[in-house]
PDB file of N, CA and C in Angstrom:
ATOM      1  N   MET A   1      30.633  78.719  21.279  1.00  0.00           N
ATOM      2  CA  MET A   1      31.605  78.260  20.307  1.00  0.00           C
ATOM      3  C   MET A   1      31.267  78.897  18.952  1.00  0.00           C
ATOM      4  N   GLU A   2      32.195  79.533  18.368  1.00  0.00           N
ATOM      5  CA  GLU A   2      31.985  80.233  17.100  1.00  0.00           C
ATOM      6  C   GLU A   2      32.483  79.381  15.939  1.00  0.00           C
ATOM      7  N   ARG A   3      31.594  79.210  14.942  1.00  0.00           N
ATOM      8  CA  ARG A   3      31.982  78.441  13.758  1.00  0.00           C
ATOM      9  C   ARG A   3      32.626  79.362  12.739  1.00  0.00           C
ATOM     10  N   GLU A   4      33.670  78.877  12.087  1.00  0.00           N
ATOM     11  CA  GLU A   4      34.340  79.647  11.055  1.00  0.00           C
ATOM     12  C   GLU A   4      34.025  79.066   9.695  1.00  0.00           C
ATOM     13  N   MET A   5      33.807  79.950   8.719  1.00  0.00           N
ATOM     14  CA  MET A   5      33.579  79.511   7.351  1.00  0.00           C
ATOM     15  C   MET A   5      34.926  79.276   6.700  1.00  0.00           C
ATOM     16  N   LYS A   6      35.026  78.275   5.832  1.00  0.00           N
ATOM     17  CA  LYS A   6      36.295  77.971   5.179  1.00  0.00           C
ATOM     18  C   LYS A   6      36.753  79.121   4.298  1.00  0.00           C
ATOM     19  N   ASN A   7      35.921  79.553   3.379  1.00  0.00           N
ATOM     20  CA  ASN A   7      36.223  80.675   2.498  1.00  0.00           C
ATOM     21  C   ASN A   7      35.073  81.672   2.572  1.00  0.00           C
ATOM     22  N   PRO A   8      35.093  82.576   3.545  1.00  0.00           N
ATOM     23  CA  PRO A   8      33.983  83.515   3.634  1.00  0.00           C
ATOM     24  C   PRO A   8      33.924  84.407   2.401  1.00  0.00           C
ATOM     25  N   ALA A   9      32.718  84.678   1.952  1.00  0.00           N
ATOM     26  CA  ALA A   9      32.521  85.513   0.767  1.00  0.00           C
ATOM     27  C   ALA A   9      32.875  86.959   1.089  1.00  0.00           C
ATOM     28  N   GLN A  10      33.433  87.641   0.102  1.00  0.00           N
ATOM     29  CA  GLN A  10      33.753  89.049   0.256  1.00  0.00           C
ATOM     30  C   GLN A  10      32.470  89.866   0.234  1.00  0.00           C
ATOM     31  N   ILE A  11      32.473  90.984   0.948  1.00  0.00           N
ATOM     32  CA  ILE A  11      31.350  91.903   0.833  1.00  0.00           C
ATOM     33  C   ILE A  11      31.654  92.867  -0.310  1.00  0.00           C
ATOM     34  N   PRO A  12      30.632  93.416  -0.967  1.00  0.00           N
ATOM     35  CA  PRO A  12      30.889  94.354  -2.068  1.00  0.00           C
ATOM     36  C   PRO A  12      31.703  95.555  -1.587  1.00  0.00           C
ATOM     37  N   THR A  13      32.644  95.984  -2.413  1.00  0.00           N
ATOM     38  CA  THR A  13      33.481  97.130  -2.046  1.00  0.00           C
ATOM     39  C   THR A  13      32.829  98.448  -2.419  1.00  0.00           C
ATOM     40  N   SER A  14      31.782  98.408  -3.237  1.00  0.00           N
ATOM     41  CA  SER A  14      31.017  99.605  -3.564  1.00  0.00           C
ATOM     42  C   SER A  14      29.595  99.174  -3.888  1.00  0.00           C
ATOM     43  N   PHE A  15      28.694 100.119  -3.900  1.00  0.00           N
ATOM     44  CA  PHE A  15      27.295  99.793  -4.147  1.00  0.00           C
ATOM     45  C   PHE A  15      26.753 100.598  -5.325  1.00  0.00           C
ATOM     46  N   GLY A  16      27.534 100.705  -6.374  1.00  0.00           N
ATOM     47  CA  GLY A  16      27.128 101.430  -7.575  1.00  0.00           C
ATOM     48  C   GLY A  16      26.644 100.490  -8.655  1.00  0.00           C
ATOM     49  N   HIS A  17      26.731 100.947  -9.884  1.00  0.00           N
ATOM     50  CA  HIS A  17      26.233 100.196 -11.042  1.00  0.00           C
ATOM     51  C   HIS A  17      27.095  98.986 -11.391  1.00  0.00           C
ATOM     52  N   GLU A  18      28.267  98.830 -10.757  1.00  0.00           N
ATOM     53  CA  GLU A  18      29.153  97.712 -11.093  1.00  0.00           C
ATOM     54  C   GLU A  18      28.840  96.434 -10.319  1.00  0.00           C
ATOM     55  N   LEU A  19      27.804  96.436  -9.479  1.00  0.00           N
ATOM     56  CA  LEU A  19      27.441  95.225  -8.742  1.00  0.00           C
ATOM     57  C   LEU A  19      26.853  94.174  -9.669  1.00  0.00           C
ATOM     58  N   ARG A  20      27.177  92.928  -9.388  1.00  0.00           N
ATOM     59  CA  ARG A  20      26.669  91.789 -10.160  1.00  0.00           C
ATOM     60  C   ARG A  20      26.282  90.688  -9.182  1.00  0.00           C
ATOM     61  N   ALA A  21      25.347  89.834  -9.582  1.00  0.00           N
ATOM     62  CA  ALA A  21      24.916  88.711  -8.757  1.00  0.00           C
ATOM     63  C   ALA A  21      25.213  87.411  -9.479  1.00  0.00           C
ATOM     64  N   CYS A  22      25.732  86.440  -8.754  1.00  0.00           N
ATOM     65  CA  CYS A  22      25.978  85.109  -9.318  1.00  0.00           C
ATOM     66  C   CYS A  22      24.634  84.499  -9.703  1.00  0.00           C
ATOM     67  N   LEU A  23      24.549  83.937 -10.889  1.00  0.00           N
ATOM     68  CA  LEU A  23      23.294  83.366 -11.367  1.00  0.00           C
ATOM     69  C   LEU A  23      22.890  82.117 -10.589  1.00  0.00           C
ATOM     70  N   ARG A  24      23.826  81.413  -9.982  1.00  0.00           N
ATOM     71  CA  ARG A  24      23.485  80.191  -9.264  1.00  0.00           C
ATOM     72  C   ARG A  24      23.153  80.455  -7.801  1.00  0.00           C
ATOM     73  N   CYS A  25      24.050  81.104  -7.072  1.00  0.00           N
ATOM     74  CA  CYS A  25      23.858  81.259  -5.627  1.00  0.00           C
ATOM     75  C   CYS A  25      23.384  82.651  -5.219  1.00  0.00           C
ATOM     76  N   ARG A  26      23.378  83.604  -6.147  1.00  0.00           N
ATOM     77  CA  ARG A  26      22.912  84.977  -5.930  1.00  0.00           C
ATOM     78  C   ARG A  26      23.854  85.827  -5.073  1.00  0.00           C
ATOM     79  N   LEU A  27      25.098  85.410  -4.912  1.00  0.00           N
ATOM     80  CA  LEU A  27      26.084  86.205  -4.187  1.00  0.00           C
ATOM     81  C   LEU A  27      26.310  87.502  -4.948  1.00  0.00           C
ATOM     82  N   VAL A  28      26.353  88.629  -4.243  1.00  0.00           N
ATOM     83  CA  VAL A  28      26.534  89.938  -4.867  1.00  0.00           C
ATOM     84  C   VAL A  28      27.916  90.480  -4.542  1.00  0.00           C
ATOM     85  N   LYS A  29      28.649  90.822  -5.596  1.00  0.00           N
ATOM     86  CA  LYS A  29      29.961  91.464  -5.467  1.00  0.00           C
ATOM     87  C   LYS A  29      30.135  92.374  -6.677  1.00  0.00           C
ATOM     88  N   THR A  30      31.214  93.116  -6.704  1.00  0.00           N
ATOM     89  CA  THR A  30      31.505  93.938  -7.877  1.00  0.00           C
ATOM     90  C   THR A  30      32.100  93.058  -8.977  1.00  0.00           C
ATOM     91  N   TYR A  31      32.071  93.568 -10.183  1.00  0.00           N
ATOM     92  CA  TYR A  31      32.662  92.860 -11.317  1.00  0.00           C
ATOM     93  C   TYR A  31      34.128  92.538 -11.027  1.00  0.00           C
ATOM     94  N   ASP A  32      34.877  93.519 -10.522  1.00  0.00           N
ATOM     95  CA  ASP A  32      36.297  93.320 -10.234  1.00  0.00           C
ATOM     96  C   ASP A  32      36.519  92.247  -9.166  1.00  0.00           C
ATOM     97  N   GLN A  33      35.656  92.188  -8.153  1.00  0.00           N
ATOM     98  CA  GLN A  33      35.798  91.163  -7.123  1.00  0.00           C
ATOM     99  C   GLN A  33      35.569  89.768  -7.707  1.00  0.00           C
ATOM    100  N   PHE A  34      34.573  89.623  -8.593  1.00  0.00           N
ATOM    101  CA  PHE A  34      34.359  88.327  -9.241  1.00  0.00           C
ATOM    102  C   PHE A  34      35.566  87.961 -10.104  1.00  0.00           C
ATOM    103  N   ARG A  35      36.168  88.942 -10.804  1.00  0.00           N
ATOM    104  CA  ARG A  35      37.351  88.666 -11.627  1.00  0.00           C
ATOM    105  C   ARG A  35      38.526  88.222 -10.775  1.00  0.00           C
ATOM    106  N   GLU A  36      38.723  88.859  -9.636  1.00  0.00           N
ATOM    107  CA  GLU A  36      39.881  88.575  -8.789  1.00  0.00           C
ATOM    108  C   GLU A  36      39.750  87.261  -8.015  1.00  0.00           C
ATOM    109  N   SER A  37      38.575  87.004  -7.434  1.00  0.00           N
ATOM    110  CA  SER A  37      38.456  85.835  -6.556  1.00  0.00           C
ATOM    111  C   SER A  37      37.319  84.889  -6.926  1.00  0.00           C
ATOM    112  N   GLY A  38      36.592  85.171  -7.997  1.00  0.00           N
ATOM    113  CA  GLY A  38      35.503  84.303  -8.410  1.00  0.00           C
ATOM    114  C   GLY A  38      34.360  84.326  -7.421  1.00  0.00           C
ATOM    115  N   CYS A  39      33.529  83.309  -7.472  1.00  0.00           N
ATOM    116  CA  CYS A  39      32.416  83.160  -6.538  1.00  0.00           C
ATOM    117  C   CYS A  39      32.811  82.116  -5.502  1.00  0.00           C
ATOM    118  N   GLU A  40      32.843  82.511  -4.252  1.00  0.00           N
ATOM    119  CA  GLU A  40      33.259  81.600  -3.194  1.00  0.00           C
ATOM    120  C   GLU A  40      32.278  80.436  -3.021  1.00  0.00           C
ATOM    121  N   ASN A  41      31.027  80.629  -3.377  1.00  0.00           N
ATOM    122  CA  ASN A  41      30.023  79.569  -3.245  1.00  0.00           C
ATOM    123  C   ASN A  41      30.002  78.637  -4.453  1.00  0.00           C
ATOM    124  N   CYS A  42      30.405  79.123  -5.605  1.00  0.00           N
ATOM    125  CA  CYS A  42      30.348  78.338  -6.851  1.00  0.00           C
ATOM    126  C   CYS A  42      31.732  78.288  -7.491  1.00  0.00           C
ATOM    127  N   THR A  43      32.686  77.696  -6.803  1.00  0.00           N
ATOM    128  CA  THR A  43      34.074  77.683  -7.271  1.00  0.00           C
ATOM    129  C   THR A  43      34.236  76.947  -8.597  1.00  0.00           C
ATOM    130  N   PHE A  44      33.296  76.044  -8.922  1.00  0.00           N
ATOM    131  CA  PHE A  44      33.383  75.285 -10.178  1.00  0.00           C
ATOM    132  C   PHE A  44      33.206  76.177 -11.409  1.00  0.00           C
ATOM    133  N   PHE A  45      32.681  77.394 -11.266  1.00  0.00           N
ATOM    134  CA  PHE A  45      32.594  78.321 -12.396  1.00  0.00           C
ATOM    135  C   PHE A  45      33.970  78.829 -12.807  1.00  0.00           C
ATOM    136  N   LYS A  46      34.923  78.840 -11.875  1.00  0.00           N
ATOM    137  CA  LYS A  46      36.303  79.269 -12.123  1.00  0.00           C
ATOM    138  C   LYS A  46      36.379  80.654 -12.783  1.00  0.00           C
ATOM    139  N   MET A  47      35.597  81.580 -12.266  1.00  0.00           N
ATOM    140  CA  MET A  47      35.580  82.947 -12.801  1.00  0.00           C
ATOM    141  C   MET A  47      36.914  83.649 -12.622  1.00  0.00           C
ATOM    142  N   ASP A  48      37.651  83.290 -11.565  1.00  0.00           N
ATOM    143  CA  ASP A  48      38.941  83.932 -11.329  1.00  0.00           C
ATOM    144  C   ASP A  48      39.996  83.473 -12.334  1.00  0.00           C
ATOM    145  N   GLU A  49      39.778  82.321 -12.983  1.00  0.00           N
ATOM    146  CA  GLU A  49      40.717  81.820 -13.981  1.00  0.00           C
ATOM    147  C   GLU A  49      40.343  82.273 -15.399  1.00  0.00           C
ATOM    148  N   ASP A  50      39.057  82.346 -15.699  1.00  0.00           N
ATOM    149  CA  ASP A  50      38.579  82.752 -17.020  1.00  0.00           C
ATOM    150  C   ASP A  50      37.651  83.946 -16.842  1.00  0.00           C
ATOM    151  N   HIS A  51      38.162  85.146 -17.087  1.00  0.00           N
ATOM    152  CA  HIS A  51      37.437  86.377 -16.794  1.00  0.00           C
ATOM    153  C   HIS A  51      36.197  86.567 -17.659  1.00  0.00           C
ATOM    154  N   GLU A  52      36.107  85.905 -18.801  1.00  0.00           N
ATOM    155  CA  GLU A  52      34.896  85.995 -19.619  1.00  0.00           C
ATOM    156  C   GLU A  52      33.723  85.300 -18.936  1.00  0.00           C
ATOM    157  N   ARG A  53      34.024  84.362 -18.050  1.00  0.00           N
ATOM    158  CA  ARG A  53      32.960  83.648 -17.330  1.00  0.00           C
ATOM    159  C   ARG A  53      32.234  84.554 -16.349  1.00  0.00           C
ATOM    160  N   VAL A  54      32.870  85.657 -15.923  1.00  0.00           N
ATOM    161  CA  VAL A  54      32.198  86.584 -15.008  1.00  0.00           C
ATOM    162  C   VAL A  54      30.926  87.102 -15.661  1.00  0.00           C
ATOM    163  N   VAL A  55      31.014  87.498 -16.912  1.00  0.00           N
ATOM    164  CA  VAL A  55      29.836  88.006 -17.629  1.00  0.00           C
ATOM    165  C   VAL A  55      28.839  86.879 -17.879  1.00  0.00           C
ATOM    166  N   ASP A  56      29.337  85.677 -18.173  1.00  0.00           N
ATOM    167  CA  ASP A  56      28.456  84.543 -18.456  1.00  0.00           C
ATOM    168  C   ASP A  56      27.737  84.020 -17.215  1.00  0.00           C
ATOM    169  N   CYS A  57      28.370  84.104 -16.058  1.00  0.00           N
ATOM    170  CA  CYS A  57      27.841  83.466 -14.841  1.00  0.00           C
ATOM    171  C   CYS A  57      27.245  84.446 -13.838  1.00  0.00           C
ATOM    172  N   THR A  58      27.276  85.748 -14.145  1.00  0.00           N
ATOM    173  CA  THR A  58      26.700  86.749 -13.248  1.00  0.00           C
ATOM    174  C   THR A  58      25.791  87.677 -14.042  1.00  0.00           C
ATOM    175  N   THR A  59      25.000  88.461 -13.326  1.00  0.00           N
ATOM    176  CA  THR A  59      24.110  89.420 -13.959  1.00  0.00           C
ATOM    177  C   THR A  59      24.054  90.711 -13.145  1.00  0.00           C
ATOM    178  N   PRO A  60      23.908  91.853 -13.826  1.00  0.00           N
ATOM    179  CA  PRO A  60      23.724  93.110 -13.103  1.00  0.00           C
ATOM    180  C   PRO A  60      22.244  93.364 -12.793  1.00  0.00           C
ATOM    181  N   ASN A  61      21.358  92.474 -13.257  1.00  0.00           N
ATOM    182  CA  ASN A  61      19.912  92.668 -13.109  1.00  0.00           C
ATOM    183  C   ASN A  61      19.374  91.886 -11.915  1.00  0.00           C
ATOM    184  N   PHE A  62      19.281  92.552 -10.771  1.00  0.00           N
ATOM    185  CA  PHE A  62      18.711  91.926  -9.581  1.00  0.00           C
ATOM    186  C   PHE A  62      18.007  92.996  -8.770  1.00  0.00           C
ATOM    187  N   ASN A  63      17.057  92.562  -7.952  1.00  0.00           N
ATOM    188  CA  ASN A  63      16.290  93.475  -7.094  1.00  0.00           C
ATOM    189  C   ASN A  63      16.585  93.177  -5.640  1.00  0.00           C
ATOM    190  N   GLY A  64      17.019  94.174  -4.911  1.00  0.00           N
ATOM    191  CA  GLY A  64      17.244  94.027  -3.484  1.00  0.00           C
ATOM    192  C   GLY A  64      18.529  93.308  -3.147  1.00  0.00           C
ATOM    193  N   ILE A  65      18.970  93.510  -1.911  1.00  0.00           N
ATOM    194  CA  ILE A  65      20.174  92.855  -1.412  1.00  0.00           C
ATOM    195  C   ILE A  65      20.001  92.671   0.085  1.00  0.00           C
ATOM    196  N   ILE A  66      20.475  91.551   0.598  1.00  0.00           N
ATOM    197  CA  ILE A  66      20.452  91.301   2.028  1.00  0.00           C
ATOM    198  C   ILE A  66      21.860  90.885   2.445  1.00  0.00           C
ATOM    199  N   SER A  67      22.325  91.439   3.553  1.00  0.00           N
ATOM    200  CA  SER A  67      23.642  91.085   4.085  1.00  0.00           C
ATOM    201  C   SER A  67      23.459  90.422   5.432  1.00  0.00           C
ATOM    202  N   VAL A  68      24.196  89.349   5.650  1.00  0.00           N
ATOM    203  CA  VAL A  68      24.067  88.572   6.871  1.00  0.00           C
ATOM    204  C   VAL A  68      25.453  88.355   7.459  1.00  0.00           C
ATOM    205  N   MET A  69      25.583  88.614   8.751  1.00  0.00           N
ATOM    206  CA  MET A  69      26.865  88.406   9.426  1.00  0.00           C
ATOM    207  C   MET A  69      27.105  86.931   9.717  1.00  0.00           C
ATOM    208  N   ASP A  70      26.092  86.232  10.225  1.00  0.00           N
ATOM    209  CA  ASP A  70      26.232  84.830  10.590  1.00  0.00           C
ATOM    210  C   ASP A  70      25.011  84.064  10.079  1.00  0.00           C
ATOM    211  N   PRO A  71      25.107  83.481   8.865  1.00  0.00           N
ATOM    212  CA  PRO A  71      23.950  82.796   8.280  1.00  0.00           C
ATOM    213  C   PRO A  71      23.382  81.678   9.145  1.00  0.00           C
ATOM    214  N   SER A  72      24.193  81.043   9.967  1.00  0.00           N
ATOM    215  CA  SER A  72      23.707  79.935  10.796  1.00  0.00           C
ATOM    216  C   SER A  72      22.811  80.416  11.935  1.00  0.00           C
ATOM    217  N   ARG A  73      22.898  81.692  12.304  1.00  0.00           N
ATOM    218  CA  ARG A  73      22.115  82.220  13.415  1.00  0.00           C
ATOM    219  C   ARG A  73      21.012  83.170  12.973  1.00  0.00           C
ATOM    220  N   SER A  74      20.880  83.409  11.686  1.00  0.00           N
ATOM    221  CA  SER A  74      19.911  84.380  11.185  1.00  0.00           C
ATOM    222  C   SER A  74      18.642  83.688  10.696  1.00  0.00           C
ATOM    223  N   TRP A  75      17.498  84.075  11.249  1.00  0.00           N
ATOM    224  CA  TRP A  75      16.241  83.490  10.770  1.00  0.00           C
ATOM    225  C   TRP A  75      15.979  83.919   9.333  1.00  0.00           C
ATOM    226  N   ALA A  76      16.366  85.148   8.962  1.00  0.00           N
ATOM    227  CA  ALA A  76      16.159  85.627   7.587  1.00  0.00           C
ATOM    228  C   ALA A  76      16.995  84.812   6.604  1.00  0.00           C
ATOM    229  N   ALA A  77      18.220  84.478   6.987  1.00  0.00           N
ATOM    230  CA  ALA A  77      19.079  83.671   6.117  1.00  0.00           C
ATOM    231  C   ALA A  77      18.513  82.272   5.943  1.00  0.00           C
ATOM    232  N   ARG A  78      17.999  81.695   7.011  1.00  0.00           N
ATOM    233  CA  ARG A  78      17.386  80.368   6.899  1.00  0.00           C
ATOM    234  C   ARG A  78      16.135  80.427   6.028  1.00  0.00           C
ATOM    235  N   TRP A  79      15.317  81.450   6.205  1.00  0.00           N
ATOM    236  CA  TRP A  79      14.084  81.610   5.426  1.00  0.00           C
ATOM    237  C   TRP A  79      14.393  81.757   3.940  1.00  0.00           C
ATOM    238  N   LEU A  80      15.425  82.529   3.617  1.00  0.00           N
ATOM    239  CA  LEU A  80      15.795  82.788   2.224  1.00  0.00           C
ATOM    240  C   LEU A  80      16.818  81.785   1.693  1.00  0.00           C
ATOM    241  N   ARG A  81      17.250  80.841   2.526  1.00  0.00           N
ATOM    242  CA  ARG A  81      18.238  79.819   2.153  1.00  0.00           C
ATOM    243  C   ARG A  81      19.550  80.447   1.688  1.00  0.00           C
ATOM    244  N   ILE A  82      20.046  81.370   2.486  1.00  0.00           N
ATOM    245  CA  ILE A  82      21.282  82.083   2.168  1.00  0.00           C
ATOM    246  C   ILE A  82      22.447  81.410   2.869  1.00  0.00           C
ATOM    247  N   VAL A  83      23.543  81.177   2.130  1.00  0.00           N
ATOM    248  CA  VAL A  83      24.726  80.575   2.727  1.00  0.00           C
ATOM    249  C   VAL A  83      25.898  81.541   2.794  1.00  0.00           C
ATOM    250  N   GLY A  84      25.906  82.589   2.001  1.00  0.00           N
ATOM    251  CA  GLY A  84      27.026  83.531   1.959  1.00  0.00           C
ATOM    252  C   GLY A  84      26.764  84.753   2.809  1.00  0.00           C
ATOM    253  N   LYS A  85      27.459  85.823   2.503  1.00  0.00           N
ATOM    254  CA  LYS A  85      27.324  87.046   3.280  1.00  0.00           C
ATOM    255  C   LYS A  85      26.413  88.081   2.640  1.00  0.00           C
ATOM    256  N   ALA A  86      26.510  88.297   1.334  1.00  0.00           N
ATOM    257  CA  ALA A  86      25.678  89.301   0.665  1.00  0.00           C
ATOM    258  C   ALA A  86      25.032  88.660  -0.552  1.00  0.00           C
ATOM    259  N   ASN A  87      23.739  88.532  -0.520  1.00  0.00           N
ATOM    260  CA  ASN A  87      23.024  87.874  -1.602  1.00  0.00           C
ATOM    261  C   ASN A  87      21.928  88.777  -2.134  1.00  0.00           C
ATOM    262  N   SER A  88      21.633  88.622  -3.425  1.00  0.00           N
ATOM    263  CA  SER A  88      20.523  89.362  -3.989  1.00  0.00           C
ATOM    264  C   SER A  88      19.226  88.718  -3.555  1.00  0.00           C
ATOM    265  N   GLU A  89      18.202  89.526  -3.432  1.00  0.00           N
ATOM    266  CA  GLU A  89      16.906  89.002  -3.045  1.00  0.00           C
ATOM    267  C   GLU A  89      16.237  88.303  -4.219  1.00  0.00           C
ATOM    268  N   LYS A  90      16.344  88.884  -5.399  1.00  0.00           N
ATOM    269  CA  LYS A  90      15.696  88.308  -6.572  1.00  0.00           C
ATOM    270  C   LYS A  90      16.485  88.698  -7.811  1.00  0.00           C
ATOM    271  N   ILE A  91      16.794  87.725  -8.651  1.00  0.00           N
ATOM    272  CA  ILE A  91      17.492  87.989  -9.904  1.00  0.00           C
ATOM    273  C   ILE A  91      16.455  88.120 -10.999  1.00  0.00           C
ATOM    274  N   VAL A  92      16.598  89.154 -11.810  1.00  0.00           N
ATOM    275  CA  VAL A  92      15.673  89.379 -12.915  1.00  0.00           C
ATOM    276  C   VAL A  92      16.379  88.983 -14.212  1.00  0.00           C
ATOM    277  N   LEU A  93      15.891  87.943 -14.861  1.00  0.00           N
ATOM    278  CA  LEU A  93      16.460  87.515 -16.117  1.00  0.00           C
ATOM    279  C   LEU A  93      15.663  88.138 -17.254  1.00  0.00           C
ATOM    280  N   GLU A  94      16.346  88.798 -18.142  1.00  0.00           N
ATOM    281  CA  GLU A  94      15.678  89.445 -19.263  1.00  0.00           C
ATOM    282  C   GLU A  94      15.876  88.631 -20.523  1.00  0.00           C
ATOM    283  N   ASN A  95      14.823  88.509 -21.296  1.00  0.00           N
ATOM    284  CA  ASN A  95      14.877  87.817 -22.576  1.00  0.00           C
ATOM    285  C   ASN A  95      15.484  88.764 -23.615  1.00  0.00           C
ATOM    286  N   PRO A  96      16.600  88.413 -24.247  1.00  0.00           N
ATOM    287  CA  PRO A  96      17.254  89.326 -25.190  1.00  0.00           C
ATOM    288  C   PRO A  96      16.458  89.538 -26.474  1.00  0.00           C
ATOM    289  N   ASN A  97      15.456  88.723 -26.741  1.00  0.00           N
ATOM    290  CA  ASN A  97      14.655  88.869 -27.960  1.00  0.00           C
ATOM    291  C   ASN A  97      13.588  89.901 -27.829  1.00  0.00           C
TER     292      ASN A  97
END
C-alpha cells in the first residue's frame, strides 16, 4: 500500500546559485519556487503571498543537500528527521556584524 503526501514538496528546478533553504524545515528550492508556491512544510510563513518573506524565511547559505523519494521508507530520512523531498544537510547562519 503506497502512502500519498497531501502537498508533496517540489524538487529544485536548477542547482545553481539561486538555491535557498527554508530556515525552519531546511527544504531546498529555488528562489522562484519559494515565491510561486512557498514552503510546503511551513505554510504559515505564507511566502507565496508575501514575496519579501522569501528572503526573510530562507537562506542561500547551506552545506550539502539530500533528496529522498519516500521519507517514510528511508533510514537516512529518519536519521536526519527529514519530512520533505529535498532538504539541506546543514544551514550556515552568518552574523552580519
